[in-house]
Amino acid sequence: MILHINPAGTFISGGPVADAGLTGRKIIVDTYGGMARHGGGVFSGKDATKVDRSAAYAVRQLARDVVTRGWTEACEVRAAYAIGQAHPVAVDFETFGTGCGASPLVRYSELGINIGDALRPASIIERLQLRTPIFRQTAVLGHFGHRGLPWEAALKFNPASVTLTETAIS
């Protein structure tokens, strides 16, 4: 077990003094009204380096991929991050008892896909093109379920480079 205690250094200020500003609606408004559990931050106003935004998109894409591959009928991907750490400190796939065979984490590993690396903020930002101005359509009806957004695209494994790449949903 690895225990992280303030991995980014001393944390003196907290609450509204240190973590407030023009951020917009709470994530609960922009997700599934409680179906997609999350930490409770916000999407709007957060840049792509903030995992409350980027990781929410990435785990949505992974959950869709697990269902699309037929590994389960329902999936929730949970990722936990520590401030100052590039890789998530924990990743879990909840299949609500509908999984078939090995866990998705094992299956991705067998395909040569490193989920921890795929969930690094830099990897997410690059794969989902989060530095491009694509967020206007998320202002209405939330951030999920819109065709054309990169996290709604299916994942395709590219064995030549052992990376995750996007492919259009058919």
C-alpha atoms as a PDB file:
ATOM      1  CA  MET A   1       0.000   0.000   0.000  1.00  0.00           C
ATOM      2  CA  ILE A   2       1.239   3.457  -0.874  1.00  0.00           C
ATOM      3  CA  LEU A   3       0.035   6.256   1.376  1.00  0.00           C
ATOM      4  CA  HIS A   4       0.144   9.768  -0.123  1.00  0.00           C
ATOM      5  CA  ILE A   5       0.220  12.629   2.387  1.00  0.00           C
ATOM      6  CA  ASN A   6       0.140  16.020   0.656  1.00  0.00           C
ATOM      7  CA  PRO A   7       2.156  14.785  -2.350  1.00  0.00           C
ATOM      8  CA  ALA A   8       2.158  18.286  -3.871  1.00  0.00           C
ATOM      9  CA  GLY A   9       3.516  19.900  -0.717  1.00  0.00           C
ATOM     10  CA  THR A  10       1.995  21.941   2.081  1.00  0.00           C
ATOM     11  CA  PHE A  11      -1.709  22.693   1.719  1.00  0.00           C
ATOM     12  CA  ILE A  12      -2.436  25.724   3.904  1.00  0.00           C
ATOM     13  CA  SER A  13      -5.493  27.391   2.361  1.00  0.00           C
ATOM     14  CA  GLY A  14      -8.669  25.538   1.562  1.00  0.00           C
ATOM     15  CA  GLY A  15     -12.374  26.048   1.059  1.00  0.00           C
ATOM     16  CA  PRO A  16     -13.826  29.111  -0.681  1.00  0.00           C
ATOM     17  CA  VAL A  17     -10.697  31.210  -0.065  1.00  0.00           C
ATOM     18  CA  ALA A  18      -8.470  28.935  -2.142  1.00  0.00           C
ATOM     19  CA  ASP A  19     -10.855  26.998  -4.336  1.00  0.00           C
ATOM     20  CA  ALA A  20     -13.509  29.357  -5.633  1.00  0.00           C
ATOM     21  CA  GLY A  21     -14.007  31.393  -8.742  1.00  0.00           C
ATOM     22  CA  LEU A  22     -15.904  31.465 -11.989  1.00  0.00           C
ATOM     23  CA  THR A  23     -16.489  27.761 -12.384  1.00  0.00           C
ATOM     24  CA  GLY A  24     -20.110  27.304 -13.386  1.00  0.00           C
ATOM     25  CA  ARG A  25     -22.558  24.506 -12.656  1.00  0.00           C
ATOM     26  CA  LYS A  26     -21.772  21.625 -10.397  1.00  0.00           C
ATOM     27  CA  ILE A  27     -20.878  18.362 -12.160  1.00  0.00           C
ATOM     28  CA  ILE A  28     -24.103  16.739 -10.981  1.00  0.00           C
ATOM     29  CA  VAL A  29     -26.004  19.064 -13.350  1.00  0.00           C
ATOM     30  CA  ASP A  30     -23.813  18.083 -16.297  1.00  0.00           C
ATOM     31  CA  THR A  31     -23.704  14.311 -15.734  1.00  0.00           C
ATOM     32  CA  TYR A  32     -26.449  11.814 -15.190  1.00  0.00           C
ATOM     33  CA  GLY A  33     -28.116  13.387 -12.158  1.00  0.00           C
ATOM     34  CA  GLY A  34     -26.399  11.062  -9.730  1.00  0.00           C
ATOM     35  CA  MET A  35     -25.943   7.959 -11.896  1.00  0.00           C
ATOM     36  CA  ALA A  36     -22.333   8.849 -12.646  1.00  0.00           C
ATOM     37  CA  ARG A  37     -20.792   9.291  -9.214  1.00  0.00           C
ATOM     38  CA  HIS A  38     -18.053  11.896  -8.874  1.00  0.00           C
ATOM     39  CA  GLY A  39     -16.251  14.128  -6.437  1.00  0.00           C
ATOM     40  CA  GLY A  40     -18.685  17.014  -6.801  1.00  0.00           C
ATOM     41  CA  GLY A  41     -16.489  19.640  -8.472  1.00  0.00           C
ATOM     42  CA  VAL A  42     -17.395  21.387 -11.694  1.00  0.00           C
ATOM     43  CA  PHE A  43     -16.632  21.062 -15.406  1.00  0.00           C
ATOM     44  CA  SER A  44     -17.202  24.612 -16.621  1.00  0.00           C
ATOM     45  CA  GLY A  45     -14.309  26.959 -15.973  1.00  0.00           C
ATOM     46  CA  LYS A  46     -11.832  24.170 -15.292  1.00  0.00           C
ATOM     47  CA  ASP A  47      -9.020  23.681 -17.736  1.00  0.00           C
ATOM     48  CA  ALA A  48      -8.235  20.236 -19.085  1.00  0.00           C
ATOM     49  CA  THR A  49      -5.417  19.661 -16.599  1.00  0.00           C
ATOM     50  CA  LYS A  50      -8.003  19.404 -13.805  1.00  0.00           C
ATOM     51  CA  VAL A  51      -8.971  15.766 -13.421  1.00  0.00           C
ATOM     52  CA  ASP A  52     -12.484  16.563 -12.240  1.00  0.00           C
ATOM     53  CA  ARG A  53     -13.052  17.466 -15.888  1.00  0.00           C
ATOM     54  CA  SER A  54     -10.594  15.430 -17.977  1.00  0.00           C
ATOM     55  CA  ALA A  55     -10.785  12.193 -15.991  1.00  0.00           C
ATOM     56  CA  ALA A  56     -14.590  12.309 -15.986  1.00  0.00           C
ATOM     57  CA  TYR A  57     -14.468  12.340 -19.787  1.00  0.00           C
ATOM     58  CA  ALA A  58     -11.840   9.588 -19.905  1.00  0.00           C
ATOM     59  CA  VAL A  59     -13.661   7.215 -17.551  1.00  0.00           C
ATOM     60  CA  ARG A  60     -16.886   7.826 -19.498  1.00  0.00           C
ATOM     61  CA  GLN A  61     -15.057   6.740 -22.659  1.00  0.00           C
ATOM     62  CA  LEU A  62     -13.611   3.654 -20.952  1.00  0.00           C
ATOM     63  CA  ALA A  63     -16.987   2.640 -19.523  1.00  0.00           C
ATOM     64  CA  ARG A  64     -18.573   2.956 -22.975  1.00  0.00           C
ATOM     65  CA  ASP A  65     -15.710   0.929 -24.445  1.00  0.00           C
ATOM     66  CA  VAL A  66     -16.131  -1.897 -21.921  1.00  0.00           C
ATOM     67  CA  VAL A  67     -19.841  -2.168 -22.765  1.00  0.00           C
ATOM     68  CA  THR A  68     -19.200  -1.870 -26.527  1.00  0.00           C
ATOM     69  CA  ARG A  69     -16.675  -4.724 -26.367  1.00  0.00           C
ATOM     70  CA  GLY A  70     -19.379  -6.912 -24.803  1.00  0.00           C
ATOM     71  CA  TRP A  71     -17.429  -7.446 -21.587  1.00  0.00           C
ATOM     72  CA  THR A  72     -20.410  -6.287 -19.513  1.00  0.00           C
ATOM     73  CA  GLU A  73     -23.877  -4.813 -19.892  1.00  0.00           C
ATOM     74  CA  ALA A  74     -23.234  -1.849 -17.595  1.00  0.00           C
ATOM     75  CA  CYS A  75     -20.035  -0.247 -16.384  1.00  0.00           C
ATOM     76  CA  GLU A  76     -18.849   2.533 -14.138  1.00  0.00           C
ATOM     77  CA  VAL A  77     -15.142   3.325 -14.099  1.00  0.00           C
ATOM     78  CA  ARG A  78     -13.771   4.915 -10.940  1.00  0.00           C
ATOM     79  CA  ALA A  79     -10.423   6.673 -10.830  1.00  0.00           C
ATOM     80  CA  ALA A  80      -8.808   8.360  -7.837  1.00  0.00           C
ATOM     81  CA  TYR A  81      -6.022  10.907  -8.124  1.00  0.00           C
ATOM     82  CA  ALA A  82      -3.601  12.517  -5.681  1.00  0.00           C
ATOM     83  CA  ILE A  83      -2.531  16.112  -6.214  1.00  0.00           C
ATOM     84  CA  GLY A  84       0.925  16.165  -7.765  1.00  0.00           C
ATOM     85  CA  GLN A  85       0.796  12.560  -9.010  1.00  0.00           C
ATOM     86  CA  ALA A  86       0.477  11.976 -12.777  1.00  0.00           C
ATOM     87  CA  HIS A  87      -1.005   8.479 -12.633  1.00  0.00           C
ATOM     88  CA  PRO A  88      -4.233   7.699 -10.824  1.00  0.00           C
ATOM     89  CA  VAL A  89      -3.667   6.145  -7.404  1.00  0.00           C
ATOM     90  CA  ALA A  90      -6.594   3.759  -7.943  1.00  0.00           C
ATOM     91  CA  VAL A  91      -8.748   2.557 -10.858  1.00  0.00           C
ATOM     92  CA  ASP A  92     -11.771   0.299 -10.504  1.00  0.00           C
ATOM     93  CA  PHE A  93     -14.381  -1.044 -12.913  1.00  0.00           C
ATOM     94  CA  GLU A  94     -17.866  -1.601 -11.437  1.00  0.00           C
ATOM     95  CA  THR A  95     -19.932  -3.872 -13.691  1.00  0.00           C
ATOM     96  CA  PHE A  96     -22.955  -4.194 -11.396  1.00  0.00           C
ATOM     97  CA  GLY A  97     -22.871  -7.985 -11.635  1.00  0.00           C
ATOM     98  CA  THR A  98     -23.215  -7.985 -15.432  1.00  0.00           C
ATOM     99  CA  GLY A  99     -19.579  -8.763 -16.319  1.00  0.00           C
ATOM    100  CA  CYS A 100     -18.649 -11.763 -18.439  1.00  0.00           C
ATOM    101  CA  GLY A 101     -15.301 -13.377 -17.669  1.00  0.00           C
ATOM    102  CA  ALA A 102     -12.231 -11.530 -16.456  1.00  0.00           C
ATOM    103  CA  SER A 103     -12.411  -7.977 -15.138  1.00  0.00           C
ATOM    104  CA  PRO A 104     -12.012  -5.157 -17.667  1.00  0.00           C
ATOM    105  CA  LEU A 105      -8.716  -4.178 -16.029  1.00  0.00           C
ATOM    106  CA  VAL A 106      -7.331  -7.671 -16.695  1.00  0.00           C
ATOM    107  CA  ARG A 107      -8.713  -7.691 -20.235  1.00  0.00           C
ATOM    108  CA  TYR A 108      -7.144  -4.326 -21.099  1.00  0.00           C
ATOM    109  CA  SER A 109      -3.852  -5.561 -19.661  1.00  0.00           C
ATOM    110  CA  GLU A 110      -4.060  -8.665 -21.867  1.00  0.00           C
ATOM    111  CA  LEU A 111      -4.496  -6.331 -24.866  1.00  0.00           C
ATOM    112  CA  GLY A 112      -1.348  -4.452 -23.835  1.00  0.00           C
ATOM    113  CA  ILE A 113      -3.269  -1.342 -22.792  1.00  0.00           C
ATOM    114  CA  ASN A 114      -1.964   0.302 -19.624  1.00  0.00           C
ATOM    115  CA  ILE A 115      -5.059   1.864 -18.047  1.00  0.00           C
ATOM    116  CA  GLY A 116      -2.997   3.838 -15.528  1.00  0.00           C
ATOM    117  CA  ASP A 117      -1.091   5.462 -18.365  1.00  0.00           C
ATOM    118  CA  ALA A 118      -4.267   6.000 -20.395  1.00  0.00           C
ATOM    119  CA  LEU A 119      -5.704   7.899 -17.402  1.00  0.00           C
ATOM    120  CA  ARG A 120      -2.742  10.252 -16.920  1.00  0.00           C
ATOM    121  CA  PRO A 121      -3.983  13.846 -17.406  1.00  0.00           C
ATOM    122  CA  ALA A 122      -1.488  14.462 -20.256  1.00  0.00           C
ATOM    123  CA  SER A 123      -2.594  11.262 -22.010  1.00  0.00           C
ATOM    124  CA  ILE A 124      -6.268  12.161 -21.588  1.00  0.00           C
ATOM    125  CA  ILE A 125      -5.746  15.715 -22.872  1.00  0.00           C
ATOM    126  CA  GLU A 126      -3.957  14.459 -25.982  1.00  0.00           C
ATOM    127  CA  ARG A 127      -6.297  11.538 -26.748  1.00  0.00           C
ATOM    128  CA  LEU A 128      -9.494  13.541 -26.243  1.00  0.00           C
ATOM    129  CA  GLN A 129      -8.150  16.754 -27.830  1.00  0.00           C
ATOM    130  CA  LEU A 130      -9.084  18.789 -24.762  1.00  0.00           C
ATOM    131  CA  ARG A 131      -6.997  21.796 -25.777  1.00  0.00           C
ATOM    132  CA  THR A 132      -9.242  22.440 -28.800  1.00  0.00           C
ATOM    133  CA  PRO A 133     -12.338  24.650 -28.411  1.00  0.00           C
ATOM    134  CA  ILE A 134     -14.998  21.915 -28.450  1.00  0.00           C
ATOM    135  CA  PHE A 135     -17.001  22.759 -25.348  1.00  0.00           C
ATOM    136  CA  ARG A 136     -19.710  25.059 -26.707  1.00  0.00           C
ATOM    137  CA  GLN A 137     -22.087  22.130 -27.286  1.00  0.00           C
ATOM    138  CA  THR A 138     -21.686  21.027 -23.660  1.00  0.00           C
ATOM    139  CA  ALA A 139     -23.386  24.226 -22.466  1.00  0.00           C
ATOM    140  CA  VAL A 140     -26.778  22.691 -23.314  1.00  0.00           C
ATOM    141  CA  LEU A 141     -27.907  19.277 -22.041  1.00  0.00           C
ATOM    142  CA  GLY A 142     -24.647  18.471 -20.271  1.00  0.00           C
ATOM    143  CA  HIS A 143     -21.332  16.946 -21.234  1.00  0.00           C
ATOM    144  CA  PHE A 144     -22.338  13.394 -22.114  1.00  0.00           C
ATOM    145  CA  GLY A 145     -24.379  11.796 -24.866  1.00  0.00           C
ATOM    146  CA  HIS A 146     -23.522  14.306 -27.628  1.00  0.00           C
ATOM    147  CA  ARG A 147     -22.268  12.827 -30.914  1.00  0.00           C
ATOM    148  CA  GLY A 148     -19.030  14.365 -32.091  1.00  0.00           C
ATOM    149  CA  LEU A 149     -17.392  14.800 -28.689  1.00  0.00           C
ATOM    150  CA  PRO A 150     -14.153  12.819 -28.428  1.00  0.00           C
ATOM    151  CA  TRP A 151     -15.066  11.020 -25.188  1.00  0.00           C
ATOM    152  CA  GLU A 152     -18.217   9.707 -26.883  1.00  0.00           C
ATOM    153  CA  ALA A 153     -16.092   8.048 -29.601  1.00  0.00           C
ATOM    154  CA  ALA A 154     -15.250   4.372 -29.311  1.00  0.00           C
ATOM    155  CA  LEU A 155     -11.701   3.367 -28.479  1.00  0.00           C
ATOM    156  CA  LYS A 156      -9.658   1.291 -30.875  1.00  0.00           C
ATOM    157  CA  PHE A 157      -6.509  -0.543 -29.889  1.00  0.00           C
ATOM    158  CA  ASN A 158      -3.536   0.097 -32.165  1.00  0.00           C
ATOM    159  CA  PRO A 159      -1.186  -2.884 -31.615  1.00  0.00           C
ATOM    160  CA  ALA A 160       1.675  -1.223 -33.492  1.00  0.00           C
ATOM    161  CA  SER A 161       2.048   1.511 -30.894  1.00  0.00           C
ATOM    162  CA  VAL A 162       0.262  -0.062 -27.887  1.00  0.00           C
ATOM    163  CA  THR A 163      -1.810   3.083 -27.398  1.00  0.00           C
ATOM    164  CA  LEU A 164      -5.458   4.002 -27.284  1.00  0.00           C
ATOM    165  CA  THR A 165      -6.728   5.816 -30.368  1.00  0.00           C
ATOM    166  CA  GLU A 166     -10.142   7.063 -31.360  1.00  0.00           C
ATOM    167  CA  THR A 167     -12.408   5.752 -34.053  1.00  0.00           C
ATOM    168  CA  ALA A 168     -15.806   6.976 -35.133  1.00  0.00           C
ATOM    169  CA  ILE A 169     -18.889   5.361 -33.654  1.00  0.00           C
ATOM    170  CA  SER A 170     -20.797   3.510 -36.351  1.00  0.00           C
END
